[in-house]
PDB file of N, CA and C in Angstrom:
ATOM      1  N   UNK A   1       0.836  -1.178   0.000  1.00  0.00           N
ATOM      2  CA  UNK A   1       0.000   0.000   0.000  1.00  0.00           C
ATOM      3  C   UNK A   1       0.886   1.248   0.000  1.00  0.00           C
ATOM      4  N   UNK A   2       0.514   2.219  -0.822  1.00  0.00           N
ATOM      5  CA  UNK A   2       1.275   3.453  -0.896  1.00  0.00           C
ATOM      6  C   UNK A   2       1.012   4.344   0.308  1.00  0.00           C
ATOM      7  N   UNK A   3       1.982   5.192   0.616  1.00  0.00           N
ATOM      8  CA  UNK A   3       1.849   6.150   1.703  1.00  0.00           C
ATOM      9  C   UNK A   3       0.763   7.159   1.369  1.00  0.00           C
ATOM     10  N   UNK A   4      -0.070   7.470   2.340  1.00  0.00           N
ATOM     11  CA  UNK A   4      -1.084   8.504   2.147  1.00  0.00           C
ATOM     12  C   UNK A   4      -0.443   9.862   2.311  1.00  0.00           C
ATOM     13  N   UNK A   5      -0.925  10.826   1.555  1.00  0.00           N
ATOM     14  CA  UNK A   5      -0.423  12.196   1.657  1.00  0.00           C
ATOM     15  C   UNK A   5      -0.897  12.794   2.968  1.00  0.00           C
ATOM     16  N   UNK A   6       0.030  13.415   3.710  1.00  0.00           N
ATOM     17  CA  UNK A   6      -0.291  13.960   5.029  1.00  0.00           C
ATOM     18  C   UNK A   6       0.270  15.370   5.173  1.00  0.00           C
ATOM     19  N   UNK A   7      -0.245  16.104   6.148  1.00  0.00           N
ATOM     20  CA  UNK A   7       0.264  17.443   6.457  1.00  0.00           C
ATOM     21  C   UNK A   7       1.763  17.339   6.727  1.00  0.00           C
ATOM     22  N   UNK A   8       2.513  18.258   6.149  1.00  0.00           N
ATOM     23  CA  UNK A   8       3.965  18.261   6.303  1.00  0.00           C
ATOM     24  C   UNK A   8       4.702  17.608   5.153  1.00  0.00           C
ATOM     25  N   UNK A   9       4.018  16.767   4.370  1.00  0.00           N
ATOM     26  CA  UNK A   9       4.665  16.152   3.208  1.00  0.00           C
ATOM     27  C   UNK A   9       5.018  17.217   2.192  1.00  0.00           C
ATOM     28  N   UNK A  10       6.075  16.970   1.450  1.00  0.00           N
ATOM     29  CA  UNK A  10       6.445  17.822   0.330  1.00  0.00           C
ATOM     30  C   UNK A  10       6.105  17.042  -0.934  1.00  0.00           C
ATOM     31  N   UNK A  11       5.400  17.693  -1.839  1.00  0.00           N
ATOM     32  CA  UNK A  11       5.119  17.076  -3.128  1.00  0.00           C
ATOM     33  C   UNK A  11       5.798  17.908  -4.204  1.00  0.00           C
ATOM     34  N   UNK A  12       6.046  17.278  -5.348  1.00  0.00           N
ATOM     35  CA  UNK A  12       6.692  18.013  -6.432  1.00  0.00           C
ATOM     36  C   UNK A  12       5.939  17.784  -7.725  1.00  0.00           C
ATOM     37  N   UNK A  13       6.052  18.747  -8.622  1.00  0.00           N
ATOM     38  CA  UNK A  13       5.449  18.671  -9.937  1.00  0.00           C
ATOM     39  C   UNK A  13       6.557  18.906 -10.953  1.00  0.00           C
ATOM     40  N   UNK A  14       6.780  17.929 -11.825  1.00  0.00           N
ATOM     41  CA  UNK A  14       7.795  18.020 -12.860  1.00  0.00           C
ATOM     42  C   UNK A  14       7.090  18.196 -14.196  1.00  0.00           C
ATOM     43  N   UNK A  15       7.466  19.255 -14.935  1.00  0.00           N
ATOM     44  CA  UNK A  15       6.743  19.562 -16.168  1.00  0.00           C
ATOM     45  C   UNK A  15       7.625  20.346 -17.127  1.00  0.00           C
ATOM     46  N   UNK A  16       7.201  20.431 -18.368  1.00  0.00           N
ATOM     47  CA  UNK A  16       7.896  21.252 -19.351  1.00  0.00           C
ATOM     48  C   UNK A  16       7.942  20.609 -20.718  1.00  0.00           C
ATOM     49  N   UNK A  17       8.296  21.418 -21.689  1.00  0.00           N
ATOM     50  CA  UNK A  17       8.449  20.980 -23.069  1.00  0.00           C
ATOM     51  C   UNK A  17       9.796  21.494 -23.534  1.00  0.00           C
ATOM     52  N   UNK A  18      10.717  20.620 -23.867  1.00  0.00           N
ATOM     53  CA  UNK A  18      12.087  20.938 -24.246  1.00  0.00           C
ATOM     54  C   UNK A  18      12.908  21.525 -23.094  1.00  0.00           C
ATOM     55  N   UNK A  19      12.345  21.516 -21.912  1.00  0.00           N
ATOM     56  CA  UNK A  19      13.064  21.819 -20.681  1.00  0.00           C
ATOM     57  C   UNK A  19      12.255  21.165 -19.571  1.00  0.00           C
ATOM     58  N   UNK A  20      12.867  20.947 -18.432  1.00  0.00           N
ATOM     59  CA  UNK A  20      12.174  20.285 -17.335  1.00  0.00           C
ATOM     60  C   UNK A  20      12.146  21.217 -16.131  1.00  0.00           C
ATOM     61  N   UNK A  21      10.950  21.635 -15.761  1.00  0.00           N
ATOM     62  CA  UNK A  21      10.737  22.492 -14.594  1.00  0.00           C
ATOM     63  C   UNK A  21      10.305  21.620 -13.420  1.00  0.00           C
ATOM     64  N   UNK A  22      10.702  21.987 -12.228  1.00  0.00           N
ATOM     65  CA  UNK A  22      10.278  21.261 -11.031  1.00  0.00           C
ATOM     66  C   UNK A  22       9.788  22.278 -10.008  1.00  0.00           C
ATOM     67  N   UNK A  23       8.553  22.100  -9.566  1.00  0.00           N
ATOM     68  CA  UNK A  23       7.971  22.943  -8.523  1.00  0.00           C
ATOM     69  C   UNK A  23       7.722  22.088  -7.283  1.00  0.00           C
ATOM     70  N   UNK A  24       7.968  22.673  -6.110  1.00  0.00           N
ATOM     71  CA  UNK A  24       7.757  21.962  -4.852  1.00  0.00           C
ATOM     72  C   UNK A  24       6.652  22.633  -4.054  1.00  0.00           C
ATOM     73  N   UNK A  25       5.895  21.828  -3.301  1.00  0.00           N
ATOM     74  CA  UNK A  25       4.786  22.320  -2.488  1.00  0.00           C
ATOM     75  C   UNK A  25       4.775  21.571  -1.160  1.00  0.00           C
ATOM     76  N   UNK A  26       4.405  22.264  -0.089  1.00  0.00           N
ATOM     77  CA  UNK A  26       4.239  21.618   1.216  1.00  0.00           C
ATOM     78  C   UNK A  26       2.754  21.471   1.493  1.00  0.00           C
ATOM     79  N   UNK A  27       2.359  20.287   1.958  1.00  0.00           N
ATOM     80  CA  UNK A  27       0.960  20.034   2.315  1.00  0.00           C
ATOM     81  C   UNK A  27       0.696  20.707   3.658  1.00  0.00           C
ATOM     82  N   UNK A  28      -0.292  21.622   3.683  1.00  0.00           N
ATOM     83  CA  UNK A  28      -0.590  22.368   4.901  1.00  0.00           C
ATOM     84  C   UNK A  28      -1.917  21.951   5.535  1.00  0.00           C
ATOM     85  N   UNK A  29      -2.775  21.272   4.755  1.00  0.00           N
ATOM     86  CA  UNK A  29      -4.035  20.718   5.273  1.00  0.00           C
ATOM     87  C   UNK A  29      -4.349  19.468   4.472  1.00  0.00           C
ATOM     88  N   UNK A  30      -4.998  18.515   5.107  1.00  0.00           N
ATOM     89  CA  UNK A  30      -5.350  17.286   4.401  1.00  0.00           C
ATOM     90  C   UNK A  30      -6.604  16.659   4.990  1.00  0.00           C
ATOM     91  N   UNK A  31      -7.425  16.108   4.108  1.00  0.00           N
ATOM     92  CA  UNK A  31      -8.541  15.256   4.502  1.00  0.00           C
ATOM     93  C   UNK A  31      -8.308  13.921   3.805  1.00  0.00           C
ATOM     94  N   UNK A  32      -9.218  13.015   3.933  1.00  0.00           N
ATOM     95  CA  UNK A  32      -9.043  11.723   3.271  1.00  0.00           C
ATOM     96  C   UNK A  32      -9.059  11.848   1.746  1.00  0.00           C
ATOM     97  N   UNK A  33      -9.774  12.851   1.216  1.00  0.00           N
ATOM     98  CA  UNK A  33      -9.931  12.965  -0.234  1.00  0.00           C
ATOM     99  C   UNK A  33      -9.272  14.184  -0.866  1.00  0.00           C
ATOM    100  N   UNK A  34      -8.774  15.128  -0.068  1.00  0.00           N
ATOM    101  CA  UNK A  34      -8.211  16.362  -0.619  1.00  0.00           C
ATOM    102  C   UNK A  34      -7.044  16.865   0.213  1.00  0.00           C
ATOM    103  N   UNK A  35      -6.207  17.682  -0.428  1.00  0.00           N
ATOM    104  CA  UNK A  35      -5.125  18.363   0.280  1.00  0.00           C
ATOM    105  C   UNK A  35      -5.073  19.825  -0.160  1.00  0.00           C
ATOM    106  N   UNK A  36      -4.455  20.652   0.675  1.00  0.00           N
ATOM    107  CA  UNK A  36      -4.181  22.050   0.383  1.00  0.00           C
ATOM    108  C   UNK A  36      -2.680  22.220   0.519  1.00  0.00           C
ATOM    109  N   UNK A  37      -2.073  22.938  -0.395  1.00  0.00           N
ATOM    110  CA  UNK A  37      -0.624  23.080  -0.410  1.00  0.00           C
ATOM    111  C   UNK A  37      -0.221  24.544  -0.508  1.00  0.00           C
ATOM    112  N   UNK A  38       1.045  24.819  -0.166  1.00  0.00           N
ATOM    113  CA  UNK A  38       1.660  26.124  -0.396  1.00  0.00           C
ATOM    114  C   UNK A  38       2.986  25.876  -1.103  1.00  0.00           C
ATOM    115  N   UNK A  39       3.310  26.750  -2.034  1.00  0.00           N
ATOM    116  CA  UNK A  39       4.528  26.616  -2.827  1.00  0.00           C
ATOM    117  C   UNK A  39       5.774  26.786  -1.958  1.00  0.00           C
ATOM    118  N   UNK A  40       6.826  26.080  -2.333  1.00  0.00           N
ATOM    119  CA  UNK A  40       8.129  26.181  -1.681  1.00  0.00           C
ATOM    120  C   UNK A  40       9.157  26.613  -2.717  1.00  0.00           C
ATOM    121  N   UNK A  41      10.113  27.459  -2.344  1.00  0.00           N
ATOM    122  CA  UNK A  41      11.187  27.784  -3.291  1.00  0.00           C
ATOM    123  C   UNK A  41      12.112  26.577  -3.453  1.00  0.00           C
ATOM    124  N   UNK A  42      12.929  26.618  -4.498  1.00  0.00           N
ATOM    125  CA  UNK A  42      13.847  25.513  -4.766  1.00  0.00           C
ATOM    126  C   UNK A  42      15.272  26.023  -4.877  1.00  0.00           C
ATOM    127  N   UNK A  43      16.190  25.166  -4.512  1.00  0.00           N
ATOM    128  CA  UNK A  43      17.610  25.398  -4.706  1.00  0.00           C
ATOM    129  C   UNK A  43      18.016  24.539  -5.903  1.00  0.00           C
ATOM    130  N   UNK A  44      18.656  25.152  -6.893  1.00  0.00           N
ATOM    131  CA  UNK A  44      19.053  24.400  -8.089  1.00  0.00           C
ATOM    132  C   UNK A  44      20.570  24.410  -8.181  1.00  0.00           C
ATOM    133  N   UNK A  45      21.130  23.240  -8.340  1.00  0.00           N
ATOM    134  CA  UNK A  45      22.584  23.145  -8.494  1.00  0.00           C
ATOM    135  C   UNK A  45      22.899  22.416  -9.795  1.00  0.00           C
ATOM    136  N   UNK A  46      23.887  22.941 -10.504  1.00  0.00           N
ATOM    137  CA  UNK A  46      24.303  22.258 -11.726  1.00  0.00           C
ATOM    138  C   UNK A  46      25.100  21.025 -11.329  1.00  0.00           C
ATOM    139  N   UNK A  47      25.250  20.118 -12.268  1.00  0.00           N
ATOM    140  CA  UNK A  47      25.951  18.879 -11.972  1.00  0.00           C
ATOM    141  C   UNK A  47      26.921  18.560 -13.100  1.00  0.00           C
ATOM    142  N   UNK A  48      28.124  18.243 -12.734  1.00  0.00           N
ATOM    143  CA  UNK A  48      29.127  17.873 -13.717  1.00  0.00           C
ATOM    144  C   UNK A  48      28.645  16.662 -14.501  1.00  0.00           C
ATOM    145  N   UNK A  49      28.848  16.709 -15.801  1.00  0.00           N
ATOM    146  CA  UNK A  49      28.430  15.600 -16.643  1.00  0.00           C
ATOM    147  C   UNK A  49      27.086  15.835 -17.303  1.00  0.00           C
ATOM    148  N   UNK A  50      26.327  16.802 -16.816  1.00  0.00           N
ATOM    149  CA  UNK A  50      25.072  17.169 -17.452  1.00  0.00           C
ATOM    150  C   UNK A  50      25.332  18.358 -18.366  1.00  0.00           C
ATOM    151  N   UNK A  51      24.339  18.746 -19.119  1.00  0.00           N
ATOM    152  CA  UNK A  51      24.406  19.943 -19.945  1.00  0.00           C
ATOM    153  C   UNK A  51      24.709  21.156 -19.070  1.00  0.00           C
ATOM    154  N   UNK A  52      25.221  22.224 -19.693  1.00  0.00           N
ATOM    155  CA  UNK A  52      25.470  23.459 -18.942  1.00  0.00           C
ATOM    156  C   UNK A  52      24.160  24.128 -18.527  1.00  0.00           C
ATOM    157  N   UNK A  53      23.049  23.633 -19.058  1.00  0.00           N
ATOM    158  CA  UNK A  53      21.737  24.176 -18.706  1.00  0.00           C
ATOM    159  C   UNK A  53      20.861  23.097 -18.082  1.00  0.00           C
ATOM    160  N   UNK A  54      21.463  22.305 -17.196  1.00  0.00           N
ATOM    161  CA  UNK A  54      20.725  21.253 -16.497  1.00  0.00           C
ATOM    162  C   UNK A  54      21.324  21.062 -15.120  1.00  0.00           C
ATOM    163  N   UNK A  55      20.518  20.538 -14.226  1.00  0.00           N
ATOM    164  CA  UNK A  55      20.993  20.307 -12.876  1.00  0.00           C
ATOM    165  C   UNK A  55      19.959  19.569 -12.064  1.00  0.00           C
ATOM    166  N   UNK A  56      20.005  19.795 -10.764  1.00  0.00           N
ATOM    167  CA  UNK A  56      19.097  19.121  -9.847  1.00  0.00           C
ATOM    168  C   UNK A  56      18.462  20.140  -8.907  1.00  0.00           C
ATOM    169  N   UNK A  57      17.172  19.975  -8.662  1.00  0.00           N
ATOM    170  CA  UNK A  57      16.423  20.885  -7.800  1.00  0.00           C
ATOM    171  C   UNK A  57      16.059  20.183  -6.491  1.00  0.00           C
ATOM    172  N   UNK A  58      16.125  20.949  -5.409  1.00  0.00           N
ATOM    173  CA  UNK A  58      15.705  20.474  -4.093  1.00  0.00           C
ATOM    174  C   UNK A  58      14.888  21.580  -3.432  1.00  0.00           C
ATOM    175  N   UNK A  59      13.871  21.212  -2.641  1.00  0.00           N
ATOM    176  CA  UNK A  59      13.066  22.246  -1.990  1.00  0.00           C
ATOM    177  C   UNK A  59      13.837  22.918  -0.855  1.00  0.00           C
ATOM    178  N   UNK A  60      13.556  24.197  -0.669  1.00  0.00           N
ATOM    179  CA  UNK A  60      14.056  24.938   0.482  1.00  0.00           C
ATOM    180  C   UNK A  60      12.934  24.923   1.509  1.00  0.00           C
ATOM    181  N   UNK A  61      13.229  24.587   2.755  1.00  0.00           N
ATOM    182  CA  UNK A  61      12.191  24.429   3.776  1.00  0.00           C
ATOM    183  C   UNK A  61      11.628  25.787   4.190  1.00  0.00           C
ATOM    184  N   UNK A  62      10.799  26.310   3.313  1.00  0.00           N
ATOM    185  CA  UNK A  62      10.200  27.621   3.492  1.00  0.00           C
ATOM    186  C   UNK A  62       8.904  27.590   2.680  1.00  0.00           C
ATOM    187  N   UNK A  63       7.900  28.294   3.128  1.00  0.00           N
ATOM    188  CA  UNK A  63       6.628  28.336   2.412  1.00  0.00           C
ATOM    189  C   UNK A  63       6.424  29.741   1.875  1.00  0.00           C
ATOM    190  N   UNK A  64       6.013  29.818   0.608  1.00  0.00           N
ATOM    191  CA  UNK A  64       5.738  31.121  -0.003  1.00  0.00           C
ATOM    192  C   UNK A  64       4.382  31.055  -0.703  1.00  0.00           C
ATOM    193  N   UNK A  65       3.755  32.185  -0.853  1.00  0.00           N
ATOM    194  CA  UNK A  65       2.527  32.242  -1.635  1.00  0.00           C
ATOM    195  C   UNK A  65       1.287  31.811  -0.871  1.00  0.00           C
ATOM    196  N   UNK A  66       0.192  31.852  -1.588  1.00  0.00           N
ATOM    197  CA  UNK A  66      -1.118  31.537  -1.034  1.00  0.00           C
ATOM    198  C   UNK A  66      -1.390  30.037  -1.044  1.00  0.00           C
ATOM    199  N   UNK A  67      -2.322  29.648  -0.221  1.00  0.00           N
ATOM    200  CA  UNK A  67      -2.748  28.256  -0.168  1.00  0.00           C
ATOM    201  C   UNK A  67      -3.430  27.884  -1.486  1.00  0.00           C
ATOM    202  N   UNK A  68      -3.119  26.708  -2.000  1.00  0.00           N
ATOM    203  CA  UNK A  68      -3.718  26.180  -3.222  1.00  0.00           C
ATOM    204  C   UNK A  68      -4.537  24.952  -2.843  1.00  0.00           C
ATOM    205  N   UNK A  69      -5.783  24.917  -3.245  1.00  0.00           N
ATOM    206  CA  UNK A  69      -6.596  23.745  -2.949  1.00  0.00           C
ATOM    207  C   UNK A  69      -8.049  24.112  -2.819  1.00  0.00           C
ATOM    208  N   UNK A  70      -8.894  23.151  -2.619  1.00  0.00           N
ATOM    209  CA  UNK A  70      -8.544  21.753  -2.395  1.00  0.00           C
ATOM    210  C   UNK A  70      -8.106  21.055  -3.674  1.00  0.00           C
ATOM    211  N   UNK A  71      -7.124  20.170  -3.545  1.00  0.00           N
ATOM    212  CA  UNK A  71      -6.657  19.318  -4.632  1.00  0.00           C
ATOM    213  C   UNK A  71      -7.119  17.902  -4.319  1.00  0.00           C
ATOM    214  N   UNK A  72      -7.859  17.322  -5.233  1.00  0.00           N
ATOM    215  CA  UNK A  72      -8.394  15.973  -5.003  1.00  0.00           C
ATOM    216  C   UNK A  72      -7.298  14.921  -5.070  1.00  0.00           C
ATOM    217  N   UNK A  73      -7.330  13.987  -4.146  1.00  0.00           N
ATOM    218  CA  UNK A  73      -6.415  12.848  -4.156  1.00  0.00           C
ATOM    219  C   UNK A  73      -7.038  11.799  -5.077  1.00  0.00           C
ATOM    220  N   UNK A  74      -6.297  11.371  -6.105  1.00  0.00           N
ATOM    221  CA  UNK A  74      -6.856  10.404  -7.057  1.00  0.00           C
ATOM    222  C   UNK A  74      -6.769   8.973  -6.525  1.00  0.00           C
ATOM    223  N   UNK A  75      -7.254   8.032  -7.308  1.00  0.00           N
ATOM    224  CA  UNK A  75      -7.308   6.634  -6.859  1.00  0.00           C
ATOM    225  C   UNK A  75      -5.929   6.016  -6.651  1.00  0.00           C
ATOM    226  N   UNK A  76      -4.879   6.664  -7.162  1.00  0.00           N
ATOM    227  CA  UNK A  76      -3.516   6.179  -6.969  1.00  0.00           C
ATOM    228  C   UNK A  76      -2.837   6.856  -5.782  1.00  0.00           C
ATOM    229  N   UNK A  77      -3.550   7.744  -5.091  1.00  0.00           N
ATOM    230  CA  UNK A  77      -3.000   8.414  -3.923  1.00  0.00           C
ATOM    231  C   UNK A  77      -2.177   9.641  -4.250  1.00  0.00           C
ATOM    232  N   UNK A  78      -2.337  10.173  -5.462  1.00  0.00           N
ATOM    233  CA  UNK A  78      -1.591  11.355  -5.893  1.00  0.00           C
ATOM    234  C   UNK A  78      -2.531  12.534  -6.093  1.00  0.00           C
ATOM    235  N   UNK A  79      -1.959  13.715  -6.196  1.00  0.00           N
ATOM    236  CA  UNK A  79      -2.725  14.920  -6.499  1.00  0.00           C
ATOM    237  C   UNK A  79      -2.098  15.595  -7.712  1.00  0.00           C
ATOM    238  N   UNK A  80      -2.878  16.408  -8.388  1.00  0.00           N
ATOM    239  CA  UNK A  80      -2.363  17.210  -9.490  1.00  0.00           C
ATOM    240  C   UNK A  80      -2.404  18.669  -9.075  1.00  0.00           C
ATOM    241  N   UNK A  81      -1.236  19.289  -8.996  1.00  0.00           N
ATOM    242  CA  UNK A  81      -1.154  20.695  -8.664  1.00  0.00           C
ATOM    243  C   UNK A  81      -1.381  21.514  -9.929  1.00  0.00           C
ATOM    244  N   UNK A  82      -1.029  20.947 -11.067  1.00  0.00           N
ATOM    245  CA  UNK A  82      -1.142  21.613 -12.357  1.00  0.00           C
ATOM    246  C   UNK A  82      -1.653  20.607 -13.368  1.00  0.00           C
ATOM    247  N   UNK A  83      -2.228  21.097 -14.443  1.00  0.00           N
ATOM    248  CA  UNK A  83      -2.669  20.177 -15.495  1.00  0.00           C
ATOM    249  C   UNK A  83      -1.490  19.694 -16.323  1.00  0.00           C
ATOM    250  N   UNK A  84      -0.312  20.233 -16.063  1.00  0.00           N
ATOM    251  CA  UNK A  84       0.885  19.841 -16.786  1.00  0.00           C
ATOM    252  C   UNK A  84       1.775  18.971 -15.911  1.00  0.00           C
ATOM    253  N   UNK A  85       2.377  17.959 -16.497  1.00  0.00           N
ATOM    254  CA  UNK A  85       3.391  17.173 -15.823  1.00  0.00           C
ATOM    255  C   UNK A  85       2.862  16.183 -14.806  1.00  0.00           C
ATOM    256  N   UNK A  86       3.791  15.632 -14.062  1.00  0.00           N
ATOM    257  CA  UNK A  86       3.459  14.623 -13.064  1.00  0.00           C
ATOM    258  C   UNK A  86       3.804  15.085 -11.669  1.00  0.00           C
ATOM    259  N   UNK A  87       3.023  14.641 -10.715  1.00  0.00           N
ATOM    260  CA  UNK A  87       3.204  15.034  -9.321  1.00  0.00           C
ATOM    261  C   UNK A  87       3.462  13.793  -8.480  1.00  0.00           C
ATOM    262  N   UNK A  88       4.339  13.909  -7.502  1.00  0.00           N
ATOM    263  CA  UNK A  88       4.599  12.810  -6.585  1.00  0.00           C
ATOM    264  C   UNK A  88       5.024  13.330  -5.227  1.00  0.00           C
ATOM    265  N   UNK A  89       5.069  12.435  -4.253  1.00  0.00           N
ATOM    266  CA  UNK A  89       5.567  12.800  -2.930  1.00  0.00           C
ATOM    267  C   UNK A  89       7.092  12.842  -3.016  1.00  0.00           C
ATOM    268  N   UNK A  90       7.680  13.923  -2.547  1.00  0.00           N
ATOM    269  CA  UNK A  90       9.127  14.105  -2.607  1.00  0.00           C
ATOM    270  C   UNK A  90       9.815  13.076  -1.719  1.00  0.00           C
ATOM    271  N   UNK A  91      10.773  12.368  -2.288  1.00  0.00           N
ATOM    272  CA  UNK A  91      11.464  11.282  -1.590  1.00  0.00           C
ATOM    273  C   UNK A  91      12.807  11.698  -0.995  1.00  0.00           C
ATOM    274  N   UNK A  92      13.091  12.996  -1.019  1.00  0.00           N
ATOM    275  CA  UNK A  92      14.350  13.473  -0.458  1.00  0.00           C
ATOM    276  C   UNK A  92      15.506  13.467  -1.438  1.00  0.00           C
ATOM    277  N   UNK A  93      15.287  12.963  -2.653  1.00  0.00           N
ATOM    278  CA  UNK A  93      16.338  12.923  -3.658  1.00  0.00           C
ATOM    279  C   UNK A  93      16.180  14.104  -4.609  1.00  0.00           C
ATOM    280  N   UNK A  94      17.288  14.770  -4.972  1.00  0.00           N
ATOM    281  CA  UNK A  94      17.203  15.890  -5.912  1.00  0.00           C
ATOM    282  C   UNK A  94      16.528  15.452  -7.212  1.00  0.00           C
ATOM    283  N   UNK A  95      15.781  16.372  -7.816  1.00  0.00           N
ATOM    284  CA  UNK A  95      15.034  16.088  -9.044  1.00  0.00           C
ATOM    285  C   UNK A  95      15.683  16.802 -10.223  1.00  0.00           C
ATOM    286  N   UNK A  96      15.848  16.094 -11.321  1.00  0.00           N
ATOM    287  CA  UNK A  96      16.452  16.641 -12.529  1.00  0.00           C
ATOM    288  C   UNK A  96      15.643  17.825 -13.049  1.00  0.00           C
ATOM    289  N   UNK A  97      16.345  18.859 -13.505  1.00  0.00           N
ATOM    290  CA  UNK A  97      15.690  19.999 -14.125  1.00  0.00           C
ATOM    291  C   UNK A  97      16.618  20.539 -15.233  1.00  0.00           C
ATOM    292  N   UNK A  98      16.038  21.277 -16.163  1.00  0.00           N
ATOM    293  CA  UNK A  98      16.837  21.891 -17.226  1.00  0.00           C
ATOM    294  C   UNK A  98      16.192  23.216 -17.607  1.00  0.00           C
ATOM    295  N   UNK A  99      16.955  24.064 -18.301  1.00  0.00           N
ATOM    296  CA  UNK A  99      16.469  25.403 -18.631  1.00  0.00           C
ATOM    297  C   UNK A  99      17.178  25.924 -19.871  1.00  0.00           C
ATOM    298  N   UNK A 100      16.659  27.041 -20.366  1.00  0.00           N
ATOM    299  CA  UNK A 100      17.275  27.777 -21.466  1.00  0.00           C
ATOM    300  C   UNK A 100      17.830  29.073 -20.940  1.00  0.00           C
ATOM    301  N   UNK A 101      18.900  29.538 -21.549  1.00  0.00           N
ATOM    302  CA  UNK A 101      19.292  30.856 -21.261  1.00  0.00           C
ATOM    303  C   UNK A 101      20.529  31.157 -20.592  1.00  0.00           C
TER     304      UNK A 101
END
């Protein structure tokens, strides 16, 4: 059985076309069927061996912005923060990201 989303969990949304953006959110309220989140800033570090416009993103333990929700928890135990990309519970491992410019 998968872990249920709970208050304090960090979730991430990975999305983009020809680049990979990663957004992080902290769960601030939860019911059995919905959650409310607030955006978290990210720290991005480049990594040797990747493109000069790629690296890894990690959340900074800080909350910014307004509460977003309610977000419905789907039958797989996930939520969609955006209609773009995929969302999951952050596992503590840096997430790949890339950019232009």
